[in-house]
C-alpha atoms as a PDB file:
ATOM      1  CA  UNK A   1     130.033 102.037  45.167  1.00  0.00           C
ATOM      2  CA  UNK A   2     127.219 104.198  46.477  1.00  0.00           C
ATOM      3  CA  UNK A   3     126.498 103.686  50.175  1.00  0.00           C
ATOM      4  CA  UNK A   4     123.083 102.355  51.161  1.00  0.00           C
ATOM      5  CA  UNK A   5     120.495 104.973  52.121  1.00  0.00           C
ATOM      6  CA  UNK A   6     120.867 106.135  55.717  1.00  0.00           C
ATOM      7  CA  UNK A   7     117.899 105.500  57.991  1.00  0.00           C
ATOM      8  CA  UNK A   8     116.714 107.526  60.974  1.00  0.00           C
ATOM      9  CA  UNK A   9     117.335 104.929  63.686  1.00  0.00           C
ATOM     10  CA  UNK A  10     120.267 104.705  66.084  1.00  0.00           C
ATOM     11  CA  UNK A  11     122.443 101.761  65.204  1.00  0.00           C
ATOM     12  CA  UNK A  12     122.504  99.089  67.910  1.00  0.00           C
ATOM     13  CA  UNK A  13     125.950  97.757  67.021  1.00  0.00           C
ATOM     14  CA  UNK A  14     128.505  98.553  64.348  1.00  0.00           C
ATOM     15  CA  UNK A  15     131.776  97.207  63.021  1.00  0.00           C
ATOM     16  CA  UNK A  16     134.331  99.505  61.395  1.00  0.00           C
ATOM     17  CA  UNK A  17     136.611  97.661  58.978  1.00  0.00           C
ATOM     18  CA  UNK A  18     139.637  99.222  57.275  1.00  0.00           C
ATOM     19  CA  UNK A  19     140.925  97.414  54.175  1.00  0.00           C
ATOM     20  CA  UNK A  20     144.205  98.464  52.586  1.00  0.00           C
ATOM     21  CA  UNK A  21     143.676  97.698  48.898  1.00  0.00           C
ATOM     22  CA  UNK A  22     146.432  98.083  46.275  1.00  0.00           C
ATOM     23  CA  UNK A  23     145.418 100.007  43.158  1.00  0.00           C
ATOM     24  CA  UNK A  24     145.719  96.842  41.039  1.00  0.00           C
ATOM     25  CA  UNK A  25     143.051  95.126  43.158  1.00  0.00           C
ATOM     26  CA  UNK A  26     140.656  98.058  43.513  1.00  0.00           C
ATOM     27  CA  UNK A  27     138.075  96.783  40.992  1.00  0.00           C
ATOM     28  CA  UNK A  28     138.250  93.270  42.439  1.00  0.00           C
ATOM     29  CA  UNK A  29     137.661  94.609  45.938  1.00  0.00           C
ATOM     30  CA  UNK A  30     134.653  96.683  44.851  1.00  0.00           C
ATOM     31  CA  UNK A  31     133.104  93.579  43.312  1.00  0.00           C
ATOM     32  CA  UNK A  32     133.921  91.547  46.420  1.00  0.00           C
ATOM     33  CA  UNK A  33     132.346  94.177  48.672  1.00  0.00           C
ATOM     34  CA  UNK A  34     129.183  94.228  46.543  1.00  0.00           C
ATOM     35  CA  UNK A  35     128.885  90.434  46.812  1.00  0.00           C
ATOM     36  CA  UNK A  36     129.414  90.529  50.585  1.00  0.00           C
ATOM     37  CA  UNK A  37     126.807  93.268  50.984  1.00  0.00           C
ATOM     38  CA  UNK A  38     124.281  91.242  48.980  1.00  0.00           C
ATOM     39  CA  UNK A  39     125.008  88.189  51.145  1.00  0.00           C
ATOM     40  CA  UNK A  40     124.841  89.985  54.474  1.00  0.00           C
ATOM     41  CA  UNK A  41     121.390  91.389  53.684  1.00  0.00           C
ATOM     42  CA  UNK A  42     119.900  87.971  54.430  1.00  0.00           C
ATOM     43  CA  UNK A  43     121.105  88.045  58.063  1.00  0.00           C
ATOM     44  CA  UNK A  44     118.607  88.998  60.811  1.00  0.00           C
ATOM     45  CA  UNK A  45     119.170  92.423  62.331  1.00  0.00           C
ATOM     46  CA  UNK A  46     121.179  93.811  59.403  1.00  0.00           C
ATOM     47  CA  UNK A  47     120.583  97.489  58.650  1.00  0.00           C
ATOM     48  CA  UNK A  48     123.099  98.798  56.158  1.00  0.00           C
ATOM     49  CA  UNK A  49     126.696  98.957  54.974  1.00  0.00           C
ATOM     50  CA  UNK A  50     128.467 102.268  54.356  1.00  0.00           C
ATOM     51  CA  UNK A  51     131.631 102.104  52.213  1.00  0.00           C
ATOM     52  CA  UNK A  52     134.078 104.999  51.986  1.00  0.00           C
ATOM     53  CA  UNK A  53     136.737 104.463  49.260  1.00  0.00           C
ATOM     54  CA  UNK A  54     139.926 106.485  48.878  1.00  0.00           C
ATOM     55  CA  UNK A  55     139.696 109.339  46.352  1.00  0.00           C
ATOM     56  CA  UNK A  56     140.183 108.850  42.642  1.00  0.00           C
ATOM     57  CA  UNK A  57     141.031 105.494  41.104  1.00  0.00           C
ATOM     58  CA  UNK A  58     144.070 104.808  43.236  1.00  0.00           C
ATOM     59  CA  UNK A  59     144.568 102.209  45.933  1.00  0.00           C
ATOM     60  CA  UNK A  60     144.518 102.954  49.623  1.00  0.00           C
ATOM     61  CA  UNK A  61     142.361 102.451  52.687  1.00  0.00           C
ATOM     62  CA  UNK A  62     138.731 101.507  52.125  1.00  0.00           C
ATOM     63  CA  UNK A  63     136.603 102.024  55.239  1.00  0.00           C
ATOM     64  CA  UNK A  64     133.443  99.927  55.602  1.00  0.00           C
ATOM     65  CA  UNK A  65     130.913 100.415  58.413  1.00  0.00           C
ATOM     66  CA  UNK A  66     128.468  97.551  59.085  1.00  0.00           C
ATOM     67  CA  UNK A  67     125.361  98.373  61.114  1.00  0.00           C
ATOM     68  CA  UNK A  68     123.110  95.869  62.900  1.00  0.00           C
ATOM     69  CA  UNK A  69     120.130  96.076  65.248  1.00  0.00           C
ATOM     70  CA  UNK A  70     122.096  94.676  68.193  1.00  0.00           C
ATOM     71  CA  UNK A  71     125.412  93.132  69.178  1.00  0.00           C
ATOM     72  CA  UNK A  72     124.080  89.561  68.954  1.00  0.00           C
ATOM     73  CA  UNK A  73     123.037  90.058  65.309  1.00  0.00           C
ATOM     74  CA  UNK A  74     126.394  91.609  64.430  1.00  0.00           C
ATOM     75  CA  UNK A  75     128.297  88.798  66.160  1.00  0.00           C
ATOM     76  CA  UNK A  76     126.205  86.193  64.303  1.00  0.00           C
ATOM     77  CA  UNK A  77     127.472  87.609  61.005  1.00  0.00           C
ATOM     78  CA  UNK A  78     131.066  87.920  62.237  1.00  0.00           C
ATOM     79  CA  UNK A  79     131.043  84.262  63.360  1.00  0.00           C
ATOM     80  CA  UNK A  80     129.211  82.903  60.307  1.00  0.00           C
ATOM     81  CA  UNK A  81     130.771  80.405  57.852  1.00  0.00           C
ATOM     82  CA  UNK A  82     129.685  82.675  54.971  1.00  0.00           C
ATOM     83  CA  UNK A  83     131.775  85.542  56.312  1.00  0.00           C
ATOM     84  CA  UNK A  84     134.690  83.175  56.986  1.00  0.00           C
ATOM     85  CA  UNK A  85     134.723  82.171  53.304  1.00  0.00           C
ATOM     86  CA  UNK A  86     134.597  85.808  52.196  1.00  0.00           C
ATOM     87  CA  UNK A  87     137.389  86.782  54.586  1.00  0.00           C
ATOM     88  CA  UNK A  88     139.552  83.942  53.236  1.00  0.00           C
ATOM     89  CA  UNK A  89     139.038  85.305  49.699  1.00  0.00           C
ATOM     90  CA  UNK A  90     139.987  88.805  50.846  1.00  0.00           C
ATOM     91  CA  UNK A  91     143.114  87.741  52.734  1.00  0.00           C
ATOM     92  CA  UNK A  92     144.305  85.717  49.771  1.00  0.00           C
ATOM     93  CA  UNK A  93     143.954  88.723  47.488  1.00  0.00           C
ATOM     94  CA  UNK A  94     144.831  91.773  49.598  1.00  0.00           C
ATOM     95  CA  UNK A  95     146.169  90.551  52.950  1.00  0.00           C
ATOM     96  CA  UNK A  96     145.057  91.431  56.470  1.00  0.00           C
ATOM     97  CA  UNK A  97     142.605  94.131  57.533  1.00  0.00           C
ATOM     98  CA  UNK A  98     141.629  95.958  60.720  1.00  0.00           C
ATOM     99  CA  UNK A  99     138.271  95.298  62.431  1.00  0.00           C
ATOM    100  CA  UNK A 100     136.929  97.503  65.214  1.00  0.00           C
ATOM    101  CA  UNK A 101     133.621  96.770  66.956  1.00  0.00           C
ATOM    102  CA  UNK A 102     131.518  99.704  68.152  1.00  0.00           C
ATOM    103  CA  UNK A 103     128.906  98.456  70.680  1.00  0.00           C
ATOM    104  CA  UNK A 104     125.878 100.717  70.628  1.00  0.00           C
ATOM    105  CA  UNK A 105     126.762 102.060  67.218  1.00  0.00           C
ATOM    106  CA  UNK A 106     128.150 105.604  67.084  1.00  0.00           C
ATOM    107  CA  UNK A 107     125.850 106.779  69.883  1.00  0.00           C
ATOM    108  CA  UNK A 108     128.498 106.700  72.673  1.00  0.00           C
ATOM    109  CA  UNK A 109     130.535 109.324  70.817  1.00  0.00           C
ATOM    110  CA  UNK A 110     127.490 111.623  70.884  1.00  0.00           C
ATOM    111  CA  UNK A 111     126.086 110.956  74.359  1.00  0.00           C
ATOM    112  CA  UNK A 112     126.059 114.703  75.122  1.00  0.00           C
ATOM    113  CA  UNK A 113     124.222 115.618  71.910  1.00  0.00           C
ATOM    114  CA  UNK A 114     120.803 114.121  72.661  1.00  0.00           C
ATOM    115  CA  UNK A 115     117.827 116.376  72.035  1.00  0.00           C
ATOM    116  CA  UNK A 116     116.288 115.222  75.307  1.00  0.00           C
ATOM    117  CA  UNK A 117     116.419 112.550  78.020  1.00  0.00           C
ATOM    118  CA  UNK A 118     116.448 109.038  76.581  1.00  0.00           C
ATOM    119  CA  UNK A 119     116.949 110.367  73.072  1.00  0.00           C
ATOM    120  CA  UNK A 120     119.919 110.268  70.716  1.00  0.00           C
ATOM    121  CA  UNK A 121     120.820 112.122  67.521  1.00  0.00           C
ATOM    122  CA  UNK A 122     119.513 110.520  64.308  1.00  0.00           C
ATOM    123  CA  UNK A 123     121.814 107.793  63.014  1.00  0.00           C
ATOM    124  CA  UNK A 124     122.288 109.498  59.642  1.00  0.00           C
ATOM    125  CA  UNK A 125     123.556 112.655  61.370  1.00  0.00           C
ATOM    126  CA  UNK A 126     126.047 110.810  63.587  1.00  0.00           C
ATOM    127  CA  UNK A 127     127.233 108.798  60.566  1.00  0.00           C
ATOM    128  CA  UNK A 128     127.937 112.024  58.646  1.00  0.00           C
ATOM    129  CA  UNK A 129     129.840 113.550  61.571  1.00  0.00           C
ATOM    130  CA  UNK A 130     131.881 110.357  61.995  1.00  0.00           C
ATOM    131  CA  UNK A 131     132.655 110.432  58.259  1.00  0.00           C
ATOM    132  CA  UNK A 132     133.700 114.084  58.593  1.00  0.00           C
ATOM    133  CA  UNK A 133     136.196 113.048  61.252  1.00  0.00           C
ATOM    134  CA  UNK A 134     137.224 109.701  59.807  1.00  0.00           C
ATOM    135  CA  UNK A 135     137.903 110.757  56.207  1.00  0.00           C
ATOM    136  CA  UNK A 136     140.598 113.402  56.809  1.00  0.00           C
ATOM    137  CA  UNK A 137     142.112 111.311  59.618  1.00  0.00           C
ATOM    138  CA  UNK A 138     142.579 108.265  57.371  1.00  0.00           C
ATOM    139  CA  UNK A 139     143.800 110.382  54.459  1.00  0.00           C
ATOM    140  CA  UNK A 140     146.349 112.299  56.541  1.00  0.00           C
ATOM    141  CA  UNK A 141     147.671 109.122  58.152  1.00  0.00           C
ATOM    142  CA  UNK A 142     147.931 107.505  54.710  1.00  0.00           C
ATOM    143  CA  UNK A 143     150.114 110.399  53.565  1.00  0.00           C
ATOM    144  CA  UNK A 144     152.078 110.675  56.820  1.00  0.00           C
ATOM    145  CA  UNK A 145     153.306 108.501  58.427  1.00  0.00           C
ATOM    146  CA  UNK A 146     151.863 105.972  55.950  1.00  0.00           C
ATOM    147  CA  UNK A 147     154.383 106.863  53.274  1.00  0.00           C
ATOM    148  CA  UNK A 148     157.233 106.176  55.717  1.00  0.00           C
ATOM    149  CA  UNK A 149     155.936 102.919  57.266  1.00  0.00           C
ATOM    150  CA  UNK A 150     155.376 100.994  54.008  1.00  0.00           C
ATOM    151  CA  UNK A 151     158.888  99.571  54.199  1.00  0.00           C
ATOM    152  CA  UNK A 152     158.014  97.889  57.496  1.00  0.00           C
ATOM    153  CA  UNK A 153     155.566  95.568  55.741  1.00  0.00           C
ATOM    154  CA  UNK A 154     151.770  95.711  55.429  1.00  0.00           C
ATOM    155  CA  UNK A 155     151.009  94.158  58.834  1.00  0.00           C
ATOM    156  CA  UNK A 156     153.204  96.586  60.799  1.00  0.00           C
ATOM    157  CA  UNK A 157     152.168  99.602  58.697  1.00  0.00           C
ATOM    158  CA  UNK A 158     148.469  98.762  59.202  1.00  0.00           C
ATOM    159  CA  UNK A 159     148.961  98.322  62.948  1.00  0.00           C
ATOM    160  CA  UNK A 160     150.691 101.688  63.284  1.00  0.00           C
ATOM    161  CA  UNK A 161     148.190 103.466  61.031  1.00  0.00           C
ATOM    162  CA  UNK A 162     145.117 102.043  62.722  1.00  0.00           C
ATOM    163  CA  UNK A 163     146.476 102.605  66.233  1.00  0.00           C
ATOM    164  CA  UNK A 164     147.073 106.253  65.352  1.00  0.00           C
ATOM    165  CA  UNK A 165     143.664 106.657  63.680  1.00  0.00           C
ATOM    166  CA  UNK A 166     141.787 105.128  66.622  1.00  0.00           C
ATOM    167  CA  UNK A 167     143.702 107.322  69.091  1.00  0.00           C
ATOM    168  CA  UNK A 168     143.148 110.436  66.971  1.00  0.00           C
ATOM    169  CA  UNK A 169     139.413 109.814  66.641  1.00  0.00           C
ATOM    170  CA  UNK A 170     138.818 108.787  70.239  1.00  0.00           C
ATOM    171  CA  UNK A 171     140.798 111.511  72.029  1.00  0.00           C
ATOM    172  CA  UNK A 172     141.225 114.265  69.473  1.00  0.00           C
ATOM    173  CA  UNK A 173     138.881 114.483  66.506  1.00  0.00           C
ATOM    174  CA  UNK A 174     135.545 113.201  67.844  1.00  0.00           C
ATOM    175  CA  UNK A 175     135.522 115.193  71.108  1.00  0.00           C
ATOM    176  CA  UNK A 176     135.996 118.389  69.068  1.00  0.00           C
ATOM    177  CA  UNK A 177     133.381 117.445  66.467  1.00  0.00           C
ATOM    178  CA  UNK A 178     131.032 116.433  69.279  1.00  0.00           C
ATOM    179  CA  UNK A 179     131.073 119.999  70.620  1.00  0.00           C
ATOM    180  CA  UNK A 180     131.100 121.786  67.258  1.00  0.00           C
ATOM    181  CA  UNK A 181     128.295 119.714  65.721  1.00  0.00           C
ATOM    182  CA  UNK A 182     126.097 119.542  68.855  1.00  0.00           C
ATOM    183  CA  UNK A 183     123.690 122.365  67.806  1.00  0.00           C
ATOM    184  CA  UNK A 184     123.048 120.671  64.450  1.00  0.00           C
ATOM    185  CA  UNK A 185     122.760 117.186  65.964  1.00  0.00           C
ATOM    186  CA  UNK A 186     120.140 118.472  68.419  1.00  0.00           C
ATOM    187  CA  UNK A 187     118.285 120.610  65.862  1.00  0.00           C
ATOM    188  CA  UNK A 188     114.656 119.722  65.180  1.00  0.00           C
ATOM    189  CA  UNK A 189     113.812 120.400  61.493  1.00  0.00           C
ATOM    190  CA  UNK A 190     110.257 121.365  62.481  1.00  0.00           C
ATOM    191  CA  UNK A 191     111.405 123.940  65.059  1.00  0.00           C
ATOM    192  CA  UNK A 192     114.754 125.066  63.606  1.00  0.00           C
ATOM    193  CA  UNK A 193     114.663 124.376  59.853  1.00  0.00           C
ATOM    194  CA  UNK A 194     117.478 126.819  59.047  1.00  0.00           C
ATOM    195  CA  UNK A 195     119.818 125.198  61.568  1.00  0.00           C
ATOM    196  CA  UNK A 196     118.844 121.665  60.547  1.00  0.00           C
ATOM    197  CA  UNK A 197     119.213 122.202  56.798  1.00  0.00           C
ATOM    198  CA  UNK A 198     122.049 124.702  57.051  1.00  0.00           C
ATOM    199  CA  UNK A 199     124.086 122.341  59.234  1.00  0.00           C
ATOM    200  CA  UNK A 200     123.642 119.549  56.714  1.00  0.00           C
ATOM    201  CA  UNK A 201     124.790 121.847  53.909  1.00  0.00           C
ATOM    202  CA  UNK A 202     127.898 122.808  55.908  1.00  0.00           C
ATOM    203  CA  UNK A 203     128.841 119.180  56.603  1.00  0.00           C
ATOM    204  CA  UNK A 204     128.412 118.193  52.946  1.00  0.00           C
ATOM    205  CA  UNK A 205     130.374 121.264  51.816  1.00  0.00           C
ATOM    206  CA  UNK A 206     133.218 120.400  54.200  1.00  0.00           C
ATOM    207  CA  UNK A 207     133.350 116.822  52.904  1.00  0.00           C
ATOM    208  CA  UNK A 208     133.376 118.044  49.299  1.00  0.00           C
ATOM    209  CA  UNK A 209     136.100 120.562  50.138  1.00  0.00           C
ATOM    210  CA  UNK A 210     138.236 117.931  51.856  1.00  0.00           C
ATOM    211  CA  UNK A 211     137.819 115.588  48.891  1.00  0.00           C
ATOM    212  CA  UNK A 212     138.895 118.359  46.498  1.00  0.00           C
ATOM    213  CA  UNK A 213     141.883 119.246  48.691  1.00  0.00           C
ATOM    214  CA  UNK A 214     143.133 115.658  48.996  1.00  0.00           C
ATOM    215  CA  UNK A 215     142.593 115.155  45.268  1.00  0.00           C
ATOM    216  CA  UNK A 216     144.992 118.025  44.620  1.00  0.00           C
ATOM    217  CA  UNK A 217     147.573 116.399  46.876  1.00  0.00           C
ATOM    218  CA  UNK A 218     147.194 112.794  45.717  1.00  0.00           C
ATOM    219  CA  UNK A 219     146.324 113.422  42.073  1.00  0.00           C
END
């Protein structure tokens, strides 16, 4: 599923949802996610949904990021009967999932990367940097210790995996990416076109390289 086009605004509130989907249910989940995305578009304050599937046609962790104008709009969707029905369908088919709310969107992770006072990096840039940190983190944790926690049952394995991924992102991966990506996040395309466009090319190349590398490992 192709993610919706990224806009240039800073997301007011986001929810990060990790679904562990068996390979046999992959196509069903993609259809379910498309139906949910079509339904959520009618809610006030909705901006977009970004979906990051595992590589290839195998099962694994699907990461979905929901973005709303503000926390009240996001909470209205989370508390809605429509979402409750969709969640019941999902749990019946694939089991539990992990939901993490991010008040203020991704902006708090990049508070030191503003181009000026009262400003924040464009939402599409922060989303790409988060993806650059999230993708290898989820993949590595799926390979290890994920391969060794499966015998503990889905609920325990998901708890361990998500606890480790949140800790890794919060205190390890994102602080490093925050510093490394700061020049690109602050770059003004009008004043520094080479830095703005070159930084984007580097991020996309790194994502493509990581995808190729994990494809070699996972098949």
